[in-house]
């Protein structure tokens, strides 16, 4: 099946493992909540991969270093649904 260009599939082995844990009837509720949080972190990381950055100089204990900060403020809204 060919997916549209605007659809991203997270096929990382750790993400697939965590999704399998979420689907398993043997996963205890406490573990389920932990894995949901871990998987959500991975998804946010991937979803924000291309956000624009702005160059920034920061003072370190030894010298000034070139760094980066978010160019724009962002807001994240969780959408919960069943059917994992």
PDB file of N, CA and C in Angstrom:
ATOM      1  N   UNK A   1       0.845  -1.181   0.000  1.00  0.00           N
ATOM      2  CA  UNK A   1       0.000   0.000   0.000  1.00  0.00           C
ATOM      3  C   UNK A   1       0.887   1.240   0.000  1.00  0.00           C
ATOM      4  N   UNK A   2       0.621   2.167  -0.893  1.00  0.00           N
ATOM      5  CA  UNK A   2       1.366   3.411  -0.972  1.00  0.00           C
ATOM      6  C   UNK A   2       0.670   4.463  -0.123  1.00  0.00           C
ATOM      7  N   UNK A   3       1.439   5.084   0.770  1.00  0.00           N
ATOM      8  CA  UNK A   3       0.891   6.113   1.646  1.00  0.00           C
ATOM      9  C   UNK A   3       1.075   7.486   1.021  1.00  0.00           C
ATOM     10  N   UNK A   4       0.195   8.430   1.345  1.00  0.00           N
ATOM     11  CA  UNK A   4       0.380   9.802   0.870  1.00  0.00           C
ATOM     12  C   UNK A   4       1.694  10.378   1.399  1.00  0.00           C
ATOM     13  N   UNK A   5       2.224  11.375   0.706  1.00  0.00           N
ATOM     14  CA  UNK A   5       3.506  11.964   1.098  1.00  0.00           C
ATOM     15  C   UNK A   5       3.458  12.634   2.468  1.00  0.00           C
ATOM     16  N   UNK A   6       2.272  13.074   2.892  1.00  0.00           N
ATOM     17  CA  UNK A   6       2.167  13.754   4.181  1.00  0.00           C
ATOM     18  C   UNK A   6       1.937  12.790   5.346  1.00  0.00           C
ATOM     19  N   UNK A   7       2.034  11.492   5.104  1.00  0.00           N
ATOM     20  CA  UNK A   7       1.885  10.485   6.159  1.00  0.00           C
ATOM     21  C   UNK A   7       3.258   9.930   6.505  1.00  0.00           C
ATOM     22  N   UNK A   8       3.576   9.949   7.790  1.00  0.00           N
ATOM     23  CA  UNK A   8       4.858   9.444   8.271  1.00  0.00           C
ATOM     24  C   UNK A   8       4.607   8.178   9.076  1.00  0.00           C
ATOM     25  N   UNK A   9       5.384   7.147   8.812  1.00  0.00           N
ATOM     26  CA  UNK A   9       5.292   5.902   9.566  1.00  0.00           C
ATOM     27  C   UNK A   9       6.540   5.765  10.414  1.00  0.00           C
ATOM     28  N   UNK A  10       6.357   5.693  11.718  1.00  0.00           N
ATOM     29  CA  UNK A  10       7.484   5.505  12.627  1.00  0.00           C
ATOM     30  C   UNK A  10       7.785   4.013  12.691  1.00  0.00           C
ATOM     31  N   UNK A  11       8.807   3.598  11.974  1.00  0.00           N
ATOM     32  CA  UNK A  11       9.139   2.175  11.866  1.00  0.00           C
ATOM     33  C   UNK A  11      10.356   1.799  12.700  1.00  0.00           C
ATOM     34  N   UNK A  12      10.739   2.660  13.621  1.00  0.00           N
ATOM     35  CA  UNK A  12      11.900   2.384  14.470  1.00  0.00           C
ATOM     36  C   UNK A  12      11.641   1.119  15.289  1.00  0.00           C
ATOM     37  N   UNK A  13      12.642   0.255  15.445  1.00  0.00           N
ATOM     38  CA  UNK A  13      12.449  -0.992  16.195  1.00  0.00           C
ATOM     39  C   UNK A  13      11.928  -0.780  17.619  1.00  0.00           C
ATOM     40  N   UNK A  14      12.404   0.246  18.318  1.00  0.00           N
ATOM     41  CA  UNK A  14      11.908   0.489  19.682  1.00  0.00           C
ATOM     42  C   UNK A  14      10.439   0.908  19.673  1.00  0.00           C
ATOM     43  N   UNK A  15      10.052   1.715  18.701  1.00  0.00           N
ATOM     44  CA  UNK A  15       8.656   2.131  18.600  1.00  0.00           C
ATOM     45  C   UNK A  15       7.762   0.936  18.292  1.00  0.00           C
ATOM     46  N   UNK A  16       8.207   0.071  17.403  1.00  0.00           N
ATOM     47  CA  UNK A  16       7.425  -1.125  17.074  1.00  0.00           C
ATOM     48  C   UNK A  16       7.286  -2.035  18.290  1.00  0.00           C
ATOM     49  N   UNK A  17       8.366  -2.155  19.074  1.00  0.00           N
ATOM     50  CA  UNK A  17       8.332  -2.965  20.293  1.00  0.00           C
ATOM     51  C   UNK A  17       7.314  -2.392  21.281  1.00  0.00           C
ATOM     52  N   UNK A  18       7.355  -1.069  21.473  1.00  0.00           N
ATOM     53  CA  UNK A  18       6.440  -0.437  22.421  1.00  0.00           C
ATOM     54  C   UNK A  18       4.987  -0.553  21.958  1.00  0.00           C
ATOM     55  N   UNK A  19       4.759  -0.431  20.662  1.00  0.00           N
ATOM     56  CA  UNK A  19       3.407  -0.589  20.138  1.00  0.00           C
ATOM     57  C   UNK A  19       2.897  -2.008  20.369  1.00  0.00           C
ATOM     58  N   UNK A  20       3.777  -2.982  20.237  1.00  0.00           N
ATOM     59  CA  UNK A  20       3.403  -4.375  20.506  1.00  0.00           C
ATOM     60  C   UNK A  20       3.024  -4.551  21.972  1.00  0.00           C
ATOM     61  N   UNK A  21       3.782  -3.916  22.880  1.00  0.00           N
ATOM     62  CA  UNK A  21       3.441  -3.981  24.305  1.00  0.00           C
ATOM     63  C   UNK A  21       2.064  -3.367  24.561  1.00  0.00           C
ATOM     64  N   UNK A  22       1.765  -2.263  23.896  1.00  0.00           N
ATOM     65  CA  UNK A  22       0.458  -1.622  24.081  1.00  0.00           C
ATOM     66  C   UNK A  22      -0.681  -2.504  23.585  1.00  0.00           C
ATOM     67  N   UNK A  23      -0.438  -3.243  22.541  1.00  0.00           N
ATOM     68  CA  UNK A  23      -1.480  -4.104  21.970  1.00  0.00           C
ATOM     69  C   UNK A  23      -1.702  -5.382  22.768  1.00  0.00           C
ATOM     70  N   UNK A  24      -0.721  -5.780  23.548  1.00  0.00           N
ATOM     71  CA  UNK A  24      -0.780  -7.063  24.241  1.00  0.00           C
ATOM     72  C   UNK A  24      -1.762  -7.039  25.410  1.00  0.00           C
ATOM     73  N   UNK A  25      -2.590  -8.063  25.477  1.00  0.00           N
ATOM     74  CA  UNK A  25      -3.523  -8.212  26.589  1.00  0.00           C
ATOM     75  C   UNK A  25      -2.778  -8.497  27.892  1.00  0.00           C
ATOM     76  N   UNK A  26      -1.538  -8.953  27.797  1.00  0.00           N
ATOM     77  CA  UNK A  26      -0.747  -9.296  28.982  1.00  0.00           C
ATOM     78  C   UNK A  26      -0.084  -8.085  29.638  1.00  0.00           C
ATOM     79  N   UNK A  27      -0.139  -6.921  29.006  1.00  0.00           N
ATOM     80  CA  UNK A  27       0.499  -5.730  29.566  1.00  0.00           C
ATOM     81  C   UNK A  27      -0.346  -5.175  30.705  1.00  0.00           C
ATOM     82  N   UNK A  28       0.265  -5.082  31.871  1.00  0.00           N
ATOM     83  CA  UNK A  28      -0.418  -4.553  33.060  1.00  0.00           C
ATOM     84  C   UNK A  28      -0.711  -3.058  32.878  1.00  0.00           C
ATOM     85  N   UNK A  29      -1.760  -2.549  33.536  1.00  0.00           N
ATOM     86  CA  UNK A  29      -2.129  -1.133  33.384  1.00  0.00           C
ATOM     87  C   UNK A  29      -0.991  -0.149  33.682  1.00  0.00           C
ATOM     88  N   UNK A  30      -0.216  -0.399  34.731  1.00  0.00           N
ATOM     89  CA  UNK A  30       0.894   0.498  35.076  1.00  0.00           C
ATOM     90  C   UNK A  30       1.923   0.523  33.951  1.00  0.00           C
ATOM     91  N   UNK A  31       2.271  -0.638  33.434  1.00  0.00           N
ATOM     92  CA  UNK A  31       3.231  -0.736  32.336  1.00  0.00           C
ATOM     93  C   UNK A  31       2.666  -0.079  31.078  1.00  0.00           C
ATOM     94  N   UNK A  32       1.377  -0.261  30.836  1.00  0.00           N
ATOM     95  CA  UNK A  32       0.719   0.343  29.680  1.00  0.00           C
ATOM     96  C   UNK A  32       0.884   1.861  29.711  1.00  0.00           C
ATOM     97  N   UNK A  33       0.616   2.480  30.869  1.00  0.00           N
ATOM     98  CA  UNK A  33       0.751   3.934  30.999  1.00  0.00           C
ATOM     99  C   UNK A  33       2.188   4.380  30.766  1.00  0.00           C
ATOM    100  N   UNK A  34       3.148   3.630  31.287  1.00  0.00           N
ATOM    101  CA  UNK A  34       4.564   3.962  31.086  1.00  0.00           C
ATOM    102  C   UNK A  34       4.932   3.912  29.608  1.00  0.00           C
ATOM    103  N   UNK A  35       4.484   2.869  28.930  1.00  0.00           N
ATOM    104  CA  UNK A  35       4.821   2.691  27.516  1.00  0.00           C
ATOM    105  C   UNK A  35       4.139   3.759  26.657  1.00  0.00           C
ATOM    106  N   UNK A  36       2.906   4.138  26.997  1.00  0.00           N
ATOM    107  CA  UNK A  36       2.230   5.220  26.270  1.00  0.00           C
ATOM    108  C   UNK A  36       3.062   6.494  26.355  1.00  0.00           C
ATOM    109  N   UNK A  37       3.553   6.810  27.542  1.00  0.00           N
ATOM    110  CA  UNK A  37       4.383   7.999  27.726  1.00  0.00           C
ATOM    111  C   UNK A  37       5.674   7.915  26.911  1.00  0.00           C
ATOM    112  N   UNK A  38       6.323   6.761  26.937  1.00  0.00           N
ATOM    113  CA  UNK A  38       7.572   6.578  26.191  1.00  0.00           C
ATOM    114  C   UNK A  38       7.340   6.700  24.685  1.00  0.00           C
ATOM    115  N   UNK A  39       6.279   6.086  24.200  1.00  0.00           N
ATOM    116  CA  UNK A  39       5.977   6.136  22.770  1.00  0.00           C
ATOM    117  C   UNK A  39       5.585   7.555  22.352  1.00  0.00           C
ATOM    118  N   UNK A  40       4.841   8.245  23.202  1.00  0.00           N
ATOM    119  CA  UNK A  40       4.464   9.632  22.907  1.00  0.00           C
ATOM    120  C   UNK A  40       5.702  10.515  22.786  1.00  0.00           C
ATOM    121  N   UNK A  41       6.687  10.300  23.652  1.00  0.00           N
ATOM    122  CA  UNK A  41       7.935  11.056  23.578  1.00  0.00           C
ATOM    123  C   UNK A  41       8.627  10.818  22.242  1.00  0.00           C
ATOM    124  N   UNK A  42       8.661   9.576  21.806  1.00  0.00           N
ATOM    125  CA  UNK A  42       9.282   9.255  20.518  1.00  0.00           C
ATOM    126  C   UNK A  42       8.532   9.918  19.363  1.00  0.00           C
ATOM    127  N   UNK A  43       7.210   9.923  19.430  1.00  0.00           N
ATOM    128  CA  UNK A  43       6.410  10.523  18.362  1.00  0.00           C
ATOM    129  C   UNK A  43       6.597  12.039  18.308  1.00  0.00           C
ATOM    130  N   UNK A  44       6.651  12.679  19.476  1.00  0.00           N
ATOM    131  CA  UNK A  44       6.884  14.128  19.515  1.00  0.00           C
ATOM    132  C   UNK A  44       8.255  14.457  18.952  1.00  0.00           C
ATOM    133  N   UNK A  45       9.245  13.658  19.304  1.00  0.00           N
ATOM    134  CA  UNK A  45      10.599  13.858  18.788  1.00  0.00           C
ATOM    135  C   UNK A  45      10.597  13.826  17.262  1.00  0.00           C
ATOM    136  N   UNK A  46       9.937  12.853  16.682  1.00  0.00           N
ATOM    137  CA  UNK A  46       9.878  12.746  15.222  1.00  0.00           C
ATOM    138  C   UNK A  46       9.028  13.858  14.605  1.00  0.00           C
ATOM    139  N   UNK A  47       7.928  14.213  15.252  1.00  0.00           N
ATOM    140  CA  UNK A  47       7.033  15.235  14.707  1.00  0.00           C
ATOM    141  C   UNK A  47       7.681  16.617  14.693  1.00  0.00           C
ATOM    142  N   UNK A  48       8.642  16.849  15.572  1.00  0.00           N
ATOM    143  CA  UNK A  48       9.292  18.159  15.660  1.00  0.00           C
ATOM    144  C   UNK A  48      10.648  18.194  14.962  1.00  0.00           C
ATOM    145  N   UNK A  49      10.969  17.169  14.231  1.00  0.00           N
ATOM    146  CA  UNK A  49      12.281  17.058  13.573  1.00  0.00           C
ATOM    147  C   UNK A  49      12.616  18.260  12.691  1.00  0.00           C
ATOM    148  N   UNK A  50      11.647  18.812  11.979  1.00  0.00           N
ATOM    149  CA  UNK A  50      11.913  19.864  11.002  1.00  0.00           C
ATOM    150  C   UNK A  50      11.516  21.264  11.467  1.00  0.00           C
ATOM    151  N   UNK A  51      11.316  21.457  12.760  1.00  0.00           N
ATOM    152  CA  UNK A  51      10.967  22.790  13.245  1.00  0.00           C
ATOM    153  C   UNK A  51      12.139  23.747  13.042  1.00  0.00           C
ATOM    154  N   UNK A  52      11.847  24.997  12.689  1.00  0.00           N
ATOM    155  CA  UNK A  52      12.923  25.954  12.436  1.00  0.00           C
ATOM    156  C   UNK A  52      13.636  26.377  13.724  1.00  0.00           C
ATOM    157  N   UNK A  53      14.944  26.578  13.591  1.00  0.00           N
ATOM    158  CA  UNK A  53      15.772  27.029  14.705  1.00  0.00           C
ATOM    159  C   UNK A  53      16.381  28.385  14.382  1.00  0.00           C
ATOM    160  N   UNK A  54      16.769  29.096  15.433  1.00  0.00           N
ATOM    161  CA  UNK A  54      17.446  30.375  15.306  1.00  0.00           C
ATOM    162  C   UNK A  54      18.784  30.253  16.028  1.00  0.00           C
ATOM    163  N   UNK A  55      19.842  30.773  15.416  1.00  0.00           N
ATOM    164  CA  UNK A  55      21.173  30.718  16.026  1.00  0.00           C
ATOM    165  C   UNK A  55      21.203  31.575  17.288  1.00  0.00           C
ATOM    166  N   UNK A  56      21.992  31.119  18.257  1.00  0.00           N
ATOM    167  CA  UNK A  56      22.064  31.790  19.550  1.00  0.00           C
ATOM    168  C   UNK A  56      23.450  31.574  20.134  1.00  0.00           C
ATOM    169  N   UNK A  57      24.050  32.628  20.678  1.00  0.00           N
ATOM    170  CA  UNK A  57      25.316  32.494  21.397  1.00  0.00           C
ATOM    171  C   UNK A  57      25.010  32.344  22.878  1.00  0.00           C
ATOM    172  N   UNK A  58      25.639  31.375  23.520  1.00  0.00           N
ATOM    173  CA  UNK A  58      25.463  31.159  24.961  1.00  0.00           C
ATOM    174  C   UNK A  58      26.824  31.175  25.639  1.00  0.00           C
ATOM    175  N   UNK A  59      26.830  31.655  26.871  1.00  0.00           N
ATOM    176  CA  UNK A  59      28.066  31.692  27.641  1.00  0.00           C
ATOM    177  C   UNK A  59      28.213  30.379  28.405  1.00  0.00           C
ATOM    178  N   UNK A  60      29.296  29.662  28.157  1.00  0.00           N
ATOM    179  CA  UNK A  60      29.611  28.439  28.894  1.00  0.00           C
ATOM    180  C   UNK A  60      30.614  28.804  29.981  1.00  0.00           C
ATOM    181  N   UNK A  61      30.950  27.896  30.882  1.00  0.00           N
ATOM    182  CA  UNK A  61      31.954  28.213  31.904  1.00  0.00           C
ATOM    183  C   UNK A  61      33.319  28.596  31.318  1.00  0.00           C
ATOM    184  N   UNK A  62      33.612  28.170  30.082  1.00  0.00           N
ATOM    185  CA  UNK A  62      34.924  28.437  29.498  1.00  0.00           C
ATOM    186  C   UNK A  62      34.922  29.520  28.428  1.00  0.00           C
ATOM    187  N   UNK A  63      33.868  29.596  27.631  1.00  0.00           N
ATOM    188  CA  UNK A  63      33.859  30.515  26.490  1.00  0.00           C
ATOM    189  C   UNK A  63      32.430  30.709  26.005  1.00  0.00           C
ATOM    190  N   UNK A  64      32.286  31.447  24.940  1.00  0.00           N
ATOM    191  CA  UNK A  64      30.986  31.593  24.290  1.00  0.00           C
ATOM    192  C   UNK A  64      30.860  30.500  23.232  1.00  0.00           C
ATOM    193  N   UNK A  65      29.703  29.864  23.193  1.00  0.00           N
ATOM    194  CA  UNK A  65      29.471  28.788  22.227  1.00  0.00           C
ATOM    195  C   UNK A  65      28.249  29.124  21.384  1.00  0.00           C
ATOM    196  N   UNK A  66      28.265  28.637  20.170  1.00  0.00           N
ATOM    197  CA  UNK A  66      27.134  28.831  19.269  1.00  0.00           C
ATOM    198  C   UNK A  66      26.112  27.730  19.540  1.00  0.00           C
ATOM    199  N   UNK A  67      24.869  28.114  19.727  1.00  0.00           N
ATOM    200  CA  UNK A  67      23.807  27.149  19.978  1.00  0.00           C
ATOM    201  C   UNK A  67      22.605  27.461  19.105  1.00  0.00           C
ATOM    202  N   UNK A  68      21.478  26.919  19.465  1.00  0.00           N
ATOM    203  CA  UNK A  68      20.250  27.134  18.703  1.00  0.00           C
ATOM    204  C   UNK A  68      19.064  27.146  19.650  1.00  0.00           C
ATOM    205  N   UNK A  69      18.048  27.893  19.275  1.00  0.00           N
ATOM    206  CA  UNK A  69      16.790  27.904  20.016  1.00  0.00           C
ATOM    207  C   UNK A  69      15.649  27.840  19.018  1.00  0.00           C
ATOM    208  N   UNK A  70      14.488  27.489  19.504  1.00  0.00           N
ATOM    209  CA  UNK A  70      13.322  27.400  18.637  1.00  0.00           C
ATOM    210  C   UNK A  70      13.042  28.776  18.029  1.00  0.00           C
ATOM    211  N   UNK A  71      12.811  28.824  16.735  1.00  0.00           N
ATOM    212  CA  UNK A  71      12.545  30.087  16.054  1.00  0.00           C
ATOM    213  C   UNK A  71      11.132  30.597  16.345  1.00  0.00           C
ATOM    214  N   UNK A  72      10.222  29.687  16.660  1.00  0.00           N
ATOM    215  CA  UNK A  72       8.838  30.051  16.941  1.00  0.00           C
ATOM    216  C   UNK A  72       8.350  29.281  18.154  1.00  0.00           C
ATOM    217  N   UNK A  73       7.369  29.832  18.838  1.00  0.00           N
ATOM    218  CA  UNK A  73       6.741  29.106  19.938  1.00  0.00           C
ATOM    219  C   UNK A  73       5.796  28.072  19.338  1.00  0.00           C
ATOM    220  N   UNK A  74       5.734  26.922  19.980  1.00  0.00           N
ATOM    221  CA  UNK A  74       4.827  25.878  19.506  1.00  0.00           C
ATOM    222  C   UNK A  74       3.939  25.433  20.657  1.00  0.00           C
ATOM    223  N   UNK A  75       2.816  24.876  20.323  1.00  0.00           N
ATOM    224  CA  UNK A  75       1.918  24.294  21.305  1.00  0.00           C
ATOM    225  C   UNK A  75       1.593  22.869  20.895  1.00  0.00           C
ATOM    226  N   UNK A  76       1.535  21.989  21.858  1.00  0.00           N
ATOM    227  CA  UNK A  76       1.201  20.594  21.585  1.00  0.00           C
ATOM    228  C   UNK A  76      -0.115  20.260  22.260  1.00  0.00           C
ATOM    229  N   UNK A  77      -0.979  19.608  21.521  1.00  0.00           N
ATOM    230  CA  UNK A  77      -2.286  19.220  22.043  1.00  0.00           C
ATOM    231  C   UNK A  77      -2.425  17.715  21.898  1.00  0.00           C
ATOM    232  N   UNK A  78      -2.517  16.997  23.022  1.00  0.00           N
ATOM    233  CA  UNK A  78      -2.664  15.542  22.925  1.00  0.00           C
ATOM    234  C   UNK A  78      -4.073  15.168  22.459  1.00  0.00           C
ATOM    235  N   UNK A  79      -4.130  14.198  21.584  1.00  0.00           N
ATOM    236  CA  UNK A  79      -5.409  13.664  21.118  1.00  0.00           C
ATOM    237  C   UNK A  79      -5.416  12.181  21.457  1.00  0.00           C
ATOM    238  N   UNK A  80      -6.296  11.792  22.340  1.00  0.00           N
ATOM    239  CA  UNK A  80      -6.361  10.411  22.794  1.00  0.00           C
ATOM    240  C   UNK A  80      -7.452   9.675  22.029  1.00  0.00           C
ATOM    241  N   UNK A  81      -7.121   8.465  21.613  1.00  0.00           N
ATOM    242  CA  UNK A  81      -8.119   7.646  20.934  1.00  0.00           C
ATOM    243  C   UNK A  81      -7.836   6.183  21.217  1.00  0.00           C
ATOM    244  N   UNK A  82      -8.839   5.386  21.058  1.00  0.00           N
ATOM    245  CA  UNK A  82      -8.691   3.944  21.248  1.00  0.00           C
ATOM    246  C   UNK A  82      -8.336   3.298  19.915  1.00  0.00           C
ATOM    247  N   UNK A  83      -8.071   2.023  19.944  1.00  0.00           N
ATOM    248  CA  UNK A  83      -7.828   1.295  18.710  1.00  0.00           C
ATOM    249  C   UNK A  83      -6.376   1.126  18.365  1.00  0.00           C
ATOM    250  N   UNK A  84      -5.506   1.104  19.369  1.00  0.00           N
ATOM    251  CA  UNK A  84      -4.098   0.879  19.086  1.00  0.00           C
ATOM    252  C   UNK A  84      -3.931  -0.523  18.602  1.00  0.00           C
TER     253      UNK A  84
END
